[in-house]
Amino acid sequence: MKVAKYAKTIVAAIVAGGTALAVAMGDDTLSTTEGVTIALAVLGALGVYVVPNARDTDV
């Protein structure tokens, strides 16, 4: 498995999860709702890789 192929997706997932974690830790506790928000942020970033780009039909 070539990591370079997935590097941008991995970095996007880490950044999204890290950003959500930083916001969630503002009160020094992590609730279940905040954990779900972090998981959804990571899954959303990973989901962008799965969905293919639209074809250009104007050509």
N, C-alpha and C. Protein backbone atom coordinates (compact mmCIF):
# COMPACT_ATOMS: atom_id res chain seq x y z
N MET A 1 0.84 -1.18 0.00
CA MET A 1 0.00 0.00 0.00
C MET A 1 0.88 1.24 0.00
N LYS A 2 0.64 2.12 -0.96
CA LYS A 2 1.41 3.36 -1.04
C LYS A 2 0.72 4.44 -0.23
N VAL A 3 1.38 4.91 0.81
CA VAL A 3 0.80 5.93 1.68
C VAL A 3 0.70 7.26 0.95
N ALA A 4 1.61 7.54 0.05
CA ALA A 4 1.61 8.82 -0.65
C ALA A 4 0.31 9.05 -1.42
N LYS A 5 -0.30 7.98 -1.90
CA LYS A 5 -1.55 8.08 -2.64
C LYS A 5 -2.68 8.58 -1.75
N TYR A 6 -2.62 8.25 -0.46
CA TYR A 6 -3.68 8.60 0.48
C TYR A 6 -3.27 9.72 1.44
N ALA A 7 -2.09 10.30 1.26
CA ALA A 7 -1.56 11.26 2.22
C ALA A 7 -2.47 12.46 2.41
N LYS A 8 -3.00 13.03 1.33
CA LYS A 8 -3.85 14.21 1.44
C LYS A 8 -5.14 13.88 2.19
N THR A 9 -5.70 12.72 1.96
CA THR A 9 -6.91 12.29 2.65
C THR A 9 -6.64 12.07 4.13
N ILE A 10 -5.53 11.44 4.45
CA ILE A 10 -5.17 11.18 5.84
C ILE A 10 -4.95 12.49 6.59
N VAL A 11 -4.24 13.42 5.97
CA VAL A 11 -4.00 14.72 6.60
C VAL A 11 -5.31 15.47 6.80
N ALA A 12 -6.20 15.43 5.83
CA ALA A 12 -7.50 16.10 5.96
C ALA A 12 -8.31 15.51 7.11
N ALA A 13 -8.28 14.20 7.26
CA ALA A 13 -9.02 13.56 8.36
C ALA A 13 -8.42 13.93 9.71
N ILE A 14 -7.10 13.97 9.79
CA ILE A 14 -6.44 14.35 11.05
C ILE A 14 -6.73 15.80 11.41
N VAL A 15 -6.69 16.68 10.42
CA VAL A 15 -6.96 18.09 10.68
C VAL A 15 -8.41 18.29 11.10
N ALA A 16 -9.34 17.64 10.43
CA ALA A 16 -10.75 17.77 10.78
C ALA A 16 -11.02 17.25 12.19
N GLY A 17 -10.48 16.09 12.49
CA GLY A 17 -10.65 15.52 13.83
C GLY A 17 -9.96 16.35 14.90
N GLY A 18 -8.77 16.84 14.58
CA GLY A 18 -8.03 17.67 15.54
C GLY A 18 -8.72 18.99 15.82
N THR A 19 -9.29 19.58 14.79
CA THR A 19 -10.03 20.83 14.97
C THR A 19 -11.26 20.61 15.84
N ALA A 20 -12.01 19.57 15.56
CA ALA A 20 -13.19 19.25 16.37
C ALA A 20 -12.79 18.92 17.80
N LEU A 21 -11.68 18.24 17.98
CA LEU A 21 -11.20 17.90 19.32
C LEU A 21 -10.79 19.15 20.09
N ALA A 22 -10.12 20.08 19.41
CA ALA A 22 -9.70 21.31 20.08
C ALA A 22 -10.90 22.11 20.56
N VAL A 23 -11.94 22.18 19.75
CA VAL A 23 -13.16 22.89 20.16
C VAL A 23 -13.84 22.15 21.30
N ALA A 24 -13.90 20.82 21.20
CA ALA A 24 -14.58 20.02 22.22
C ALA A 24 -13.87 20.09 23.57
N MET A 25 -12.58 20.26 23.58
CA MET A 25 -11.82 20.29 24.82
C MET A 25 -11.75 21.67 25.45
N GLY A 26 -12.57 22.59 24.97
CA GLY A 26 -12.59 23.94 25.53
C GLY A 26 -12.96 23.97 26.99
N ASP A 27 -13.76 23.01 27.44
CA ASP A 27 -14.15 22.96 28.84
C ASP A 27 -13.43 21.84 29.59
N ASP A 28 -12.38 21.30 29.02
CA ASP A 28 -11.53 20.26 29.61
C ASP A 28 -12.25 18.94 29.87
N THR A 29 -13.39 18.72 29.25
CA THR A 29 -14.08 17.43 29.32
C THR A 29 -14.54 17.05 27.93
N LEU A 30 -14.70 15.76 27.72
CA LEU A 30 -15.14 15.26 26.42
C LEU A 30 -16.42 14.46 26.62
N SER A 31 -17.52 14.99 26.15
CA SER A 31 -18.80 14.30 26.29
C SER A 31 -19.02 13.35 25.11
N THR A 32 -20.03 12.54 25.22
CA THR A 32 -20.36 11.60 24.15
C THR A 32 -20.73 12.35 22.87
N THR A 33 -21.49 13.41 23.02
CA THR A 33 -21.89 14.21 21.85
C THR A 33 -20.68 14.80 21.15
N GLU A 34 -19.73 15.28 21.92
CA GLU A 34 -18.51 15.83 21.32
C GLU A 34 -17.68 14.74 20.65
N GLY A 35 -17.66 13.55 21.22
CA GLY A 35 -16.96 12.42 20.59
C GLY A 35 -17.59 12.04 19.26
N VAL A 36 -18.91 12.06 19.21
CA VAL A 36 -19.62 11.77 17.96
C VAL A 36 -19.31 12.85 16.93
N THR A 37 -19.26 14.09 17.36
CA THR A 37 -18.93 15.19 16.44
C THR A 37 -17.53 15.01 15.86
N ILE A 38 -16.58 14.62 16.68
CA ILE A 38 -15.22 14.38 16.20
C ILE A 38 -15.20 13.23 15.19
N ALA A 39 -15.89 12.14 15.52
CA ALA A 39 -15.94 10.99 14.60
C ALA A 39 -16.58 11.37 13.27
N LEU A 40 -17.65 12.16 13.31
CA LEU A 40 -18.30 12.58 12.07
C LEU A 40 -17.41 13.51 11.25
N ALA A 41 -16.63 14.34 11.91
CA ALA A 41 -15.70 15.21 11.18
C ALA A 41 -14.65 14.38 10.44
N VAL A 42 -14.12 13.37 11.12
CA VAL A 42 -13.12 12.49 10.49
C VAL A 42 -13.75 11.70 9.34
N LEU A 43 -14.93 11.13 9.58
CA LEU A 43 -15.61 10.36 8.53
C LEU A 43 -15.99 11.23 7.34
N GLY A 44 -16.38 12.47 7.61
CA GLY A 44 -16.70 13.39 6.52
C GLY A 44 -15.49 13.68 5.66
N ALA A 45 -14.34 13.87 6.29
CA ALA A 45 -13.11 14.10 5.53
C ALA A 45 -12.72 12.86 4.73
N LEU A 46 -12.89 11.69 5.30
CA LEU A 46 -12.58 10.46 4.57
C LEU A 46 -13.59 10.20 3.46
N GLY A 47 -14.83 10.61 3.67
CA GLY A 47 -15.87 10.42 2.66
C GLY A 47 -15.61 11.20 1.38
N VAL A 48 -14.90 12.30 1.49
CA VAL A 48 -14.58 13.09 0.30
C VAL A 48 -13.72 12.28 -0.65
N TYR A 49 -12.87 11.42 -0.13
CA TYR A 49 -12.02 10.59 -0.98
C TYR A 49 -12.84 9.56 -1.74
N VAL A 50 -13.89 9.05 -1.11
CA VAL A 50 -14.68 7.96 -1.70
C VAL A 50 -15.53 8.45 -2.87
N VAL A 51 -16.04 9.66 -2.78
CA VAL A 51 -16.93 10.19 -3.82
C VAL A 51 -16.09 10.66 -5.00
N PRO A 52 -16.36 10.15 -6.20
CA PRO A 52 -15.56 10.57 -7.36
C PRO A 52 -15.91 11.99 -7.80
N ASN A 53 -14.98 12.62 -8.49
CA ASN A 53 -15.23 13.94 -9.05
C ASN A 53 -16.27 13.84 -10.15
N ALA A 54 -17.07 14.88 -10.31
CA ALA A 54 -18.06 14.92 -11.38
C ALA A 54 -17.36 15.07 -12.73
N ARG A 55 -17.95 14.48 -13.75
CA ARG A 55 -17.38 14.61 -15.09
C ARG A 55 -17.75 15.96 -15.67
N ASP A 56 -16.85 16.51 -16.44
CA ASP A 56 -17.10 17.80 -17.08
C ASP A 56 -17.92 17.55 -18.34
N THR A 57 -19.19 17.93 -18.33
CA THR A 57 -20.07 17.67 -19.47
C THR A 57 -20.13 18.84 -20.44
N ASP A 58 -19.44 19.95 -20.15
CA ASP A 58 -19.48 21.12 -21.01
C ASP A 58 -18.46 21.07 -22.15
N VAL A 59 -17.71 20.00 -22.26
CA VAL A 59 -16.66 19.91 -23.27
C VAL A 59 -17.22 19.55 -24.61
